[in-house]
Amino acid sequence: MNKPDDALLSAVNWQDKQYAEPPLRTQIADTFRGRFRWLAWIATFYRIAFLVIAIFAATKFFRVDETRDLIAYATLFLLSCFGMAFIKMWYWSLLVKNSVIREIMRLECQVAKLDGDIKTAS
């Protein structure tokens, strides 16, 4: 590579480091610190409640003999699993939304920087 390519590559790498995506743990923690933290806590509570109900239904399913009870506990297990899945999908969409907002902010910073560079050059 020649010198201009090396300079461009180092500038791009510097910008990538400056605007790097935060780790997943940080992203998850940010959802509990944001404006809708109360909603994240409620969703976590319901997700744990659905997990407890699913475990209860699964253990009861293997201990009963009546067909009607088997159907009832299987249905309860499936509904609680669906509840957990829906809450996790909502939470995933919240993480994606935060990631998109972060990316838009990065683009705004880069446009502002380029605008400043253009104004100082002219």
N, C-alpha and C. Protein backbone atom coordinates (compact mmCIF):
# COMPACT_ATOMS: atom_id res chain seq x y z
N MET A 1 0.84 -1.19 0.00
CA MET A 1 0.00 0.00 0.00
C MET A 1 0.88 1.25 0.00
N ASN A 2 0.31 2.33 -0.51
CA ASN A 2 1.06 3.58 -0.51
C ASN A 2 0.65 4.44 0.68
N LYS A 3 1.29 5.59 0.82
CA LYS A 3 1.06 6.43 2.00
C LYS A 3 -0.37 6.95 2.12
N PRO A 4 -1.01 7.41 1.05
CA PRO A 4 -2.40 7.88 1.22
C PRO A 4 -3.35 6.77 1.67
N ASP A 5 -3.14 5.56 1.15
CA ASP A 5 -4.00 4.45 1.57
C ASP A 5 -3.78 4.12 3.05
N ASP A 6 -2.52 4.15 3.48
CA ASP A 6 -2.23 3.90 4.89
C ASP A 6 -2.85 4.97 5.78
N ALA A 7 -2.78 6.22 5.35
CA ALA A 7 -3.37 7.31 6.14
C ALA A 7 -4.88 7.15 6.23
N LEU A 8 -5.50 6.79 5.10
CA LEU A 8 -6.95 6.60 5.09
C LEU A 8 -7.34 5.43 5.99
N LEU A 9 -6.60 4.34 5.91
CA LEU A 9 -6.89 3.17 6.73
C LEU A 9 -6.73 3.49 8.22
N SER A 10 -5.69 4.23 8.58
CA SER A 10 -5.51 4.57 10.00
C SER A 10 -6.60 5.52 10.48
N ALA A 11 -7.06 6.43 9.61
CA ALA A 11 -8.15 7.33 10.00
C ALA A 11 -9.45 6.57 10.19
N VAL A 12 -9.72 5.62 9.32
CA VAL A 12 -10.94 4.81 9.45
C VAL A 12 -10.88 3.96 10.71
N ASN A 13 -9.72 3.37 10.98
CA ASN A 13 -9.58 2.56 12.19
C ASN A 13 -9.73 3.43 13.44
N TRP A 14 -9.22 4.65 13.40
CA TRP A 14 -9.37 5.55 14.55
C TRP A 14 -10.84 5.88 14.78
N GLN A 15 -11.57 6.16 13.69
CA GLN A 15 -13.00 6.46 13.83
C GLN A 15 -13.77 5.25 14.33
N ASP A 16 -13.40 4.07 13.87
CA ASP A 16 -14.07 2.86 14.34
C ASP A 16 -13.85 2.66 15.84
N LYS A 17 -12.64 2.94 16.30
CA LYS A 17 -12.37 2.80 17.73
C LYS A 17 -13.11 3.86 18.53
N GLN A 18 -13.18 5.06 17.97
CA GLN A 18 -13.84 6.16 18.68
C GLN A 18 -15.34 5.91 18.80
N TYR A 19 -15.94 5.38 17.74
CA TYR A 19 -17.39 5.16 17.72
C TYR A 19 -17.73 3.68 17.80
N ALA A 20 -16.96 2.93 18.55
CA ALA A 20 -17.18 1.48 18.63
C ALA A 20 -18.50 1.18 19.35
N GLU A 21 -19.10 0.09 18.94
CA GLU A 21 -20.35 -0.37 19.57
C GLU A 21 -20.02 -0.87 20.97
N PRO A 22 -20.79 -0.46 21.98
CA PRO A 22 -20.51 -0.94 23.34
C PRO A 22 -20.78 -2.44 23.46
N PRO A 23 -20.15 -3.08 24.42
CA PRO A 23 -20.37 -4.52 24.61
C PRO A 23 -21.83 -4.82 24.96
N LEU A 24 -22.21 -6.07 24.79
CA LEU A 24 -23.60 -6.48 25.01
C LEU A 24 -24.03 -6.24 26.45
N ARG A 25 -23.16 -6.51 27.41
CA ARG A 25 -23.51 -6.29 28.82
C ARG A 25 -23.82 -4.82 29.08
N THR A 26 -23.06 -3.94 28.46
CA THR A 26 -23.31 -2.51 28.63
C THR A 26 -24.64 -2.12 27.99
N GLN A 27 -24.93 -2.68 26.83
CA GLN A 27 -26.20 -2.39 26.17
C GLN A 27 -27.38 -2.84 27.03
N ILE A 28 -27.26 -4.02 27.61
CA ILE A 28 -28.33 -4.54 28.47
C ILE A 28 -28.48 -3.67 29.71
N ALA A 29 -27.36 -3.28 30.30
CA ALA A 29 -27.43 -2.42 31.49
C ALA A 29 -28.03 -1.07 31.15
N ASP A 30 -27.79 -0.57 29.95
CA ASP A 30 -28.35 0.72 29.55
C ASP A 30 -29.87 0.70 29.47
N THR A 31 -30.45 -0.45 29.15
CA THR A 31 -31.91 -0.52 29.09
C THR A 31 -32.52 -0.37 30.48
N PHE A 32 -31.78 -0.73 31.51
CA PHE A 32 -32.27 -0.58 32.88
C PHE A 32 -31.93 0.78 33.47
N ARG A 33 -31.25 1.64 32.70
CA ARG A 33 -30.92 2.98 33.16
C ARG A 33 -31.64 4.06 32.37
N GLY A 34 -32.32 3.68 31.30
CA GLY A 34 -32.93 4.65 30.41
C GLY A 34 -34.25 5.19 30.92
N ARG A 35 -34.93 5.86 30.01
CA ARG A 35 -36.20 6.50 30.35
C ARG A 35 -37.28 5.48 30.66
N PHE A 36 -37.22 4.32 30.00
CA PHE A 36 -38.22 3.28 30.21
C PHE A 36 -37.70 2.15 31.09
N ARG A 37 -36.87 2.48 32.08
CA ARG A 37 -36.31 1.44 32.95
C ARG A 37 -37.38 0.71 33.72
N TRP A 38 -38.45 1.40 34.08
CA TRP A 38 -39.54 0.75 34.82
C TRP A 38 -40.18 -0.33 33.97
N LEU A 39 -40.27 -0.10 32.66
CA LEU A 39 -40.84 -1.09 31.77
C LEU A 39 -39.92 -2.30 31.63
N ALA A 40 -38.61 -2.06 31.60
CA ALA A 40 -37.65 -3.16 31.53
C ALA A 40 -37.71 -4.00 32.80
N TRP A 41 -37.88 -3.36 33.96
CA TRP A 41 -37.98 -4.12 35.21
C TRP A 41 -39.28 -4.93 35.26
N ILE A 42 -40.37 -4.35 34.79
CA ILE A 42 -41.64 -5.10 34.75
C ILE A 42 -41.52 -6.29 33.82
N ALA A 43 -40.90 -6.09 32.65
CA ALA A 43 -40.73 -7.19 31.70
C ALA A 43 -39.85 -8.29 32.30
N THR A 44 -38.82 -7.91 33.02
CA THR A 44 -37.96 -8.90 33.67
C THR A 44 -38.72 -9.67 34.73
N PHE A 45 -39.54 -8.97 35.50
CA PHE A 45 -40.37 -9.64 36.50
C PHE A 45 -41.31 -10.66 35.85
N TYR A 46 -41.98 -10.25 34.78
CA TYR A 46 -42.90 -11.17 34.11
C TYR A 46 -42.16 -12.33 33.45
N ARG A 47 -40.97 -12.07 32.93
CA ARG A 47 -40.20 -13.16 32.32
C ARG A 47 -39.83 -14.20 33.37
N ILE A 48 -39.44 -13.76 34.56
CA ILE A 48 -39.13 -14.69 35.64
C ILE A 48 -40.38 -15.41 36.10
N ALA A 49 -41.51 -14.69 36.17
CA ALA A 49 -42.77 -15.32 36.57
C ALA A 49 -43.18 -16.39 35.56
N PHE A 50 -43.04 -16.10 34.27
CA PHE A 50 -43.37 -17.09 33.24
C PHE A 50 -42.44 -18.30 33.34
N LEU A 51 -41.17 -18.07 33.68
CA LEU A 51 -40.24 -19.18 33.85
C LEU A 51 -40.64 -20.07 35.01
N VAL A 52 -41.03 -19.47 36.12
CA VAL A 52 -41.47 -20.24 37.29
C VAL A 52 -42.73 -21.04 36.95
N ILE A 53 -43.66 -20.41 36.24
CA ILE A 53 -44.89 -21.11 35.84
C ILE A 53 -44.57 -22.26 34.90
N ALA A 54 -43.64 -22.06 33.97
CA ALA A 54 -43.26 -23.13 33.04
C ALA A 54 -42.62 -24.30 33.77
N ILE A 55 -41.76 -24.02 34.73
CA ILE A 55 -41.13 -25.10 35.50
C ILE A 55 -42.18 -25.84 36.33
N PHE A 56 -43.08 -25.09 36.95
CA PHE A 56 -44.16 -25.70 37.72
C PHE A 56 -45.02 -26.61 36.84
N ALA A 57 -45.41 -26.11 35.67
CA ALA A 57 -46.27 -26.88 34.77
C ALA A 57 -45.55 -28.12 34.24
N ALA A 58 -44.25 -28.00 33.96
CA ALA A 58 -43.50 -29.15 33.46
C ALA A 58 -43.37 -30.24 34.52
N THR A 59 -43.11 -29.85 35.76
CA THR A 59 -42.99 -30.86 36.82
C THR A 59 -44.34 -31.51 37.12
N LYS A 60 -45.40 -30.71 37.12
CA LYS A 60 -46.73 -31.27 37.36
C LYS A 60 -47.17 -32.17 36.20
N PHE A 61 -46.76 -31.83 34.98
CA PHE A 61 -47.14 -32.61 33.80
C PHE A 61 -46.69 -34.06 33.94
N PHE A 62 -45.49 -34.27 34.46
CA PHE A 62 -44.96 -35.62 34.56
C PHE A 62 -45.42 -36.35 35.82
N ARG A 63 -46.19 -35.69 36.67
CA ARG A 63 -46.64 -36.33 37.91
C ARG A 63 -48.13 -36.65 37.93
N VAL A 64 -48.87 -36.20 36.94
CA VAL A 64 -50.32 -36.45 36.95
C VAL A 64 -50.65 -37.62 36.03
N ASP A 65 -51.82 -38.24 36.29
CA ASP A 65 -52.24 -39.39 35.51
C ASP A 65 -53.46 -39.10 34.63
N GLU A 66 -54.23 -38.12 34.98
CA GLU A 66 -55.45 -37.80 34.23
C GLU A 66 -55.10 -37.11 32.90
N THR A 67 -55.82 -37.49 31.86
CA THR A 67 -55.58 -36.88 30.55
C THR A 67 -55.93 -35.40 30.55
N ARG A 68 -57.01 -35.06 31.23
CA ARG A 68 -57.42 -33.66 31.30
C ARG A 68 -56.33 -32.82 31.99
N ASP A 69 -55.75 -33.33 33.05
CA ASP A 69 -54.68 -32.61 33.74
C ASP A 69 -53.42 -32.50 32.87
N LEU A 70 -53.13 -33.58 32.12
CA LEU A 70 -51.98 -33.54 31.21
C LEU A 70 -52.14 -32.42 30.18
N ILE A 71 -53.34 -32.32 29.62
CA ILE A 71 -53.60 -31.28 28.62
C ILE A 71 -53.51 -29.89 29.26
N ALA A 72 -54.05 -29.76 30.46
CA ALA A 72 -54.03 -28.46 31.14
C ALA A 72 -52.60 -28.01 31.44
N TYR A 73 -51.78 -28.91 31.97
CA TYR A 73 -50.40 -28.53 32.30
C TYR A 73 -49.55 -28.32 31.05
N ALA A 74 -49.81 -29.09 30.01
CA ALA A 74 -49.08 -28.87 28.75
C ALA A 74 -49.44 -27.51 28.15
N THR A 75 -50.72 -27.17 28.21
CA THR A 75 -51.16 -25.86 27.71
C THR A 75 -50.56 -24.73 28.53
N LEU A 76 -50.56 -24.89 29.84
CA LEU A 76 -49.96 -23.88 30.71
C LEU A 76 -48.47 -23.72 30.42
N PHE A 77 -47.79 -24.84 30.21
CA PHE A 77 -46.36 -24.79 29.88
C PHE A 77 -46.13 -24.05 28.56
N LEU A 78 -46.91 -24.39 27.54
CA LEU A 78 -46.73 -23.74 26.24
C LEU A 78 -47.05 -22.25 26.30
N LEU A 79 -48.12 -21.89 26.99
CA LEU A 79 -48.47 -20.48 27.09
C LEU A 79 -47.41 -19.68 27.85
N SER A 80 -46.85 -20.27 28.88
CA SER A 80 -45.79 -19.57 29.61
C SER A 80 -44.52 -19.45 28.76
N CYS A 81 -44.23 -20.46 27.95
CA CYS A 81 -43.08 -20.37 27.04
C CYS A 81 -43.32 -19.29 25.98
N PHE A 82 -44.54 -19.21 25.47
CA PHE A 82 -44.87 -18.14 24.52
C PHE A 82 -44.73 -16.77 25.17
N GLY A 83 -45.16 -16.66 26.41
CA GLY A 83 -45.02 -15.39 27.13
C GLY A 83 -43.57 -14.99 27.27
N MET A 84 -42.71 -15.95 27.63
CA MET A 84 -41.28 -15.64 27.74
C MET A 84 -40.72 -15.23 26.38
N ALA A 85 -41.13 -15.93 25.32
CA ALA A 85 -40.63 -15.62 23.98
C ALA A 85 -41.05 -14.21 23.55
N PHE A 86 -42.29 -13.84 23.81
CA PHE A 86 -42.75 -12.51 23.43
C PHE A 86 -42.01 -11.43 24.20
N ILE A 87 -41.76 -11.65 25.46
CA ILE A 87 -41.02 -10.65 26.24
C ILE A 87 -39.58 -10.54 25.74
N LYS A 88 -38.97 -11.67 25.39
CA LYS A 88 -37.60 -11.62 24.88
C LYS A 88 -37.55 -10.93 23.52
N MET A 89 -38.57 -11.14 22.67
CA MET A 89 -38.61 -10.45 21.38
C MET A 89 -38.77 -8.94 21.58
N TRP A 90 -39.59 -8.54 22.54
CA TRP A 90 -39.75 -7.12 22.82
C TRP A 90 -38.43 -6.53 23.30
N TYR A 91 -37.75 -7.27 24.18
CA TYR A 91 -36.48 -6.79 24.72
C TYR A 91 -35.43 -6.68 23.61
N TRP A 92 -35.43 -7.66 22.69
CA TRP A 92 -34.50 -7.62 21.58
C TRP A 92 -34.78 -6.40 20.70
N SER A 93 -36.05 -6.10 20.45
CA SER A 93 -36.38 -4.93 19.64
C SER A 93 -35.95 -3.65 20.35
N LEU A 94 -36.00 -3.63 21.67
CA LEU A 94 -35.53 -2.47 22.43
C LEU A 94 -34.02 -2.30 22.27
N LEU A 95 -33.28 -3.40 22.30
CA LEU A 95 -31.83 -3.32 22.10
C LEU A 95 -31.50 -2.84 20.69
N VAL A 96 -32.25 -3.33 19.70
CA VAL A 96 -32.01 -2.92 18.32
C VAL A 96 -32.33 -1.44 18.15
N LYS A 97 -33.42 -0.99 18.78
CA LYS A 97 -33.79 0.43 18.69
C LYS A 97 -32.69 1.30 19.28
N ASN A 98 -32.16 0.91 20.42
CA ASN A 98 -31.07 1.68 21.03
C ASN A 98 -29.83 1.68 20.15
N SER A 99 -29.57 0.56 19.49
CA SER A 99 -28.42 0.47 18.60
C SER A 99 -28.59 1.39 17.39
N VAL A 100 -29.80 1.44 16.84
CA VAL A 100 -30.07 2.31 15.69
C VAL A 100 -29.93 3.78 16.10
N ILE A 101 -30.44 4.13 17.26
CA ILE A 101 -30.30 5.51 17.75
C ILE A 101 -28.83 5.87 17.92
N ARG A 102 -28.05 4.93 18.45
CA ARG A 102 -26.62 5.17 18.64
C ARG A 102 -25.93 5.37 17.28
N GLU A 103 -26.32 4.59 16.29
CA GLU A 103 -25.73 4.71 14.96
C GLU A 103 -26.10 6.05 14.32
N ILE A 104 -27.33 6.50 14.50
CA ILE A 104 -27.75 7.80 13.96
C ILE A 104 -26.94 8.92 14.62
N MET A 105 -26.71 8.80 15.92
CA MET A 105 -25.91 9.81 16.61
C MET A 105 -24.47 9.83 16.08
N ARG A 106 -23.93 8.64 15.77
CA ARG A 106 -22.59 8.58 15.18
C ARG A 106 -22.55 9.30 13.84
N LEU A 107 -23.57 9.04 13.02
CA LEU A 107 -23.63 9.69 11.71
C LEU A 107 -23.76 11.21 11.85
N GLU A 108 -24.56 11.66 12.80
CA GLU A 108 -24.70 13.09 13.03
C GLU A 108 -23.36 13.71 13.42
N CYS A 109 -22.61 13.02 14.27
CA CYS A 109 -21.29 13.52 14.68
C CYS A 109 -20.35 13.59 13.49
N GLN A 110 -20.38 12.57 12.65
CA GLN A 110 -19.50 12.56 11.49
C GLN A 110 -19.88 13.64 10.49
N VAL A 111 -21.18 13.86 10.29
CA VAL A 111 -21.62 14.92 9.37
C VAL A 111 -21.23 16.28 9.92
N ALA A 112 -21.41 16.48 11.23
CA ALA A 112 -21.02 17.75 11.84
C ALA A 112 -19.52 17.98 11.72
N LYS A 113 -18.74 16.92 11.89
CA LYS A 113 -17.30 17.04 11.77
C LYS A 113 -16.91 17.36 10.33
N LEU A 114 -17.55 16.68 9.37
CA LEU A 114 -17.27 16.98 7.97
C LEU A 114 -17.70 18.40 7.62
N ASP A 115 -18.82 18.83 8.14
CA ASP A 115 -19.30 20.19 7.88
C ASP A 115 -18.30 21.20 8.44
N GLY A 116 -17.78 20.92 9.61
CA GLY A 116 -16.77 21.80 10.20
C GLY A 116 -15.49 21.81 9.39
N ASP A 117 -15.09 20.63 8.88
CA ASP A 117 -13.90 20.55 8.05
C ASP A 117 -14.08 21.31 6.75
N ILE A 118 -15.27 21.24 6.17
CA ILE A 118 -15.54 21.93 4.91
C ILE A 118 -15.54 23.44 5.12
N LYS A 119 -16.14 23.90 6.23
CA LYS A 119 -16.19 25.34 6.50
C LYS A 119 -14.80 25.91 6.78
N THR A 120 -13.96 25.13 7.48
CA THR A 120 -12.61 25.63 7.76
C THR A 120 -11.74 25.61 6.52
N ALA A 121 -12.02 24.71 5.57
CA ALA A 121 -11.21 24.62 4.36
C ALA A 121 -11.55 25.75 3.39
N SER A 122 -12.78 26.27 3.44
CA SER A 122 -13.16 27.30 2.46
C SER A 122 -13.01 28.69 2.97
